[in-house]
C-alpha cells in the first residue's frame, strides 16, 4: 500500500485557478513504566501491593495509548475563536506556483511536487523533477528508488528536502486550526498533510495559501497545479483525518499524524 498521494477529491470545492479570490520533540507513543516496585521485596504484602500497582499502571498506560488511536476528535472540525483578539487579518491569499510547475505525474511524489511550489514562493528556482529526484536521496525517505516502489515522502523526509534549500523550514504535528491561520496571516504558505477524500486511507500533500474569515473558506493549490477553495469545516475534516485505530497507529509509527503542517 502506498501511504501517500491519493488523488484529491475536489467535489464540492471551487476551482480558483482562473479567478483568485479578491478579498521538534519526541512524538512516538511510549509507556512510562517504573520497575522500582519489583525491587522492593522486604515486605511480602507490600510487594504484592506493588505488583498490583505496577500492572494497574500498565493497564492505564495501554488504555491511554489505545484511546488516543480511537480519538473521537479526529476527523471533526474545531471551534475557531474570533479573529479580532489576535489582530489576525480576515483575508489572506498568497500566490503559489500553478502551471509554471509541472503537475504530479506518478503515484508517490506529491511531497516533492508541493516542495517545488512551496520553494518557488520563496524565490528558489527548483523544478518538480529536481525535487522528486532529491526526495529519493534524503535520509528519512522510506525507499531510495522512485516510481514503482516509491512509497511517498513522510513529513520528516519532506522537512529534510526543504531544508536543503530553506534551512528555517519547520514541522508541526497535531497542531491547531487557529495556529494554521496564524501562520498564513504572517505571510507564509503552509504544506498540509490531508486525507483527500472521505473513503481514502491514503494521505496527500497540498499547499495551503490563504483563508477568508468572513466566508469561512480556505484556499489551497493541489499537485495538479490547480487552486481550490473549500469550507473551513471540509478542510478540517481532510486535515484532522482519521483512518481507524490500526492505520492511525501505522501512520504514527512512520511520523504521519493528523493536523501536520510544514512551513
Foldseek 3Di string as FASTA:
>chain_A
DQQAFDDFDQVQWAFCQVPPDDPDDDPAQDADADPVLCVDPPDVVSSVVSVVVRVVSVVVSVCVVLCVLVPPCFLFFDDDDDPVVVVFDQKFFQDWFFVVAAFDDARAELLLLVLCRQVVSVVDNDHSVRSSQVLLVAPLQPHNDDDPPRRYHAPVSSLRSNCVPPVVKDKDAPDHPNVQSVCLSVVHKKKAWWQRDPPDSHIYIWIWGMAHNVQQKTWIAGRNRIIIIHHSGVVSSGQSDRDGSVSQNVCVVSPDHGNMIMD
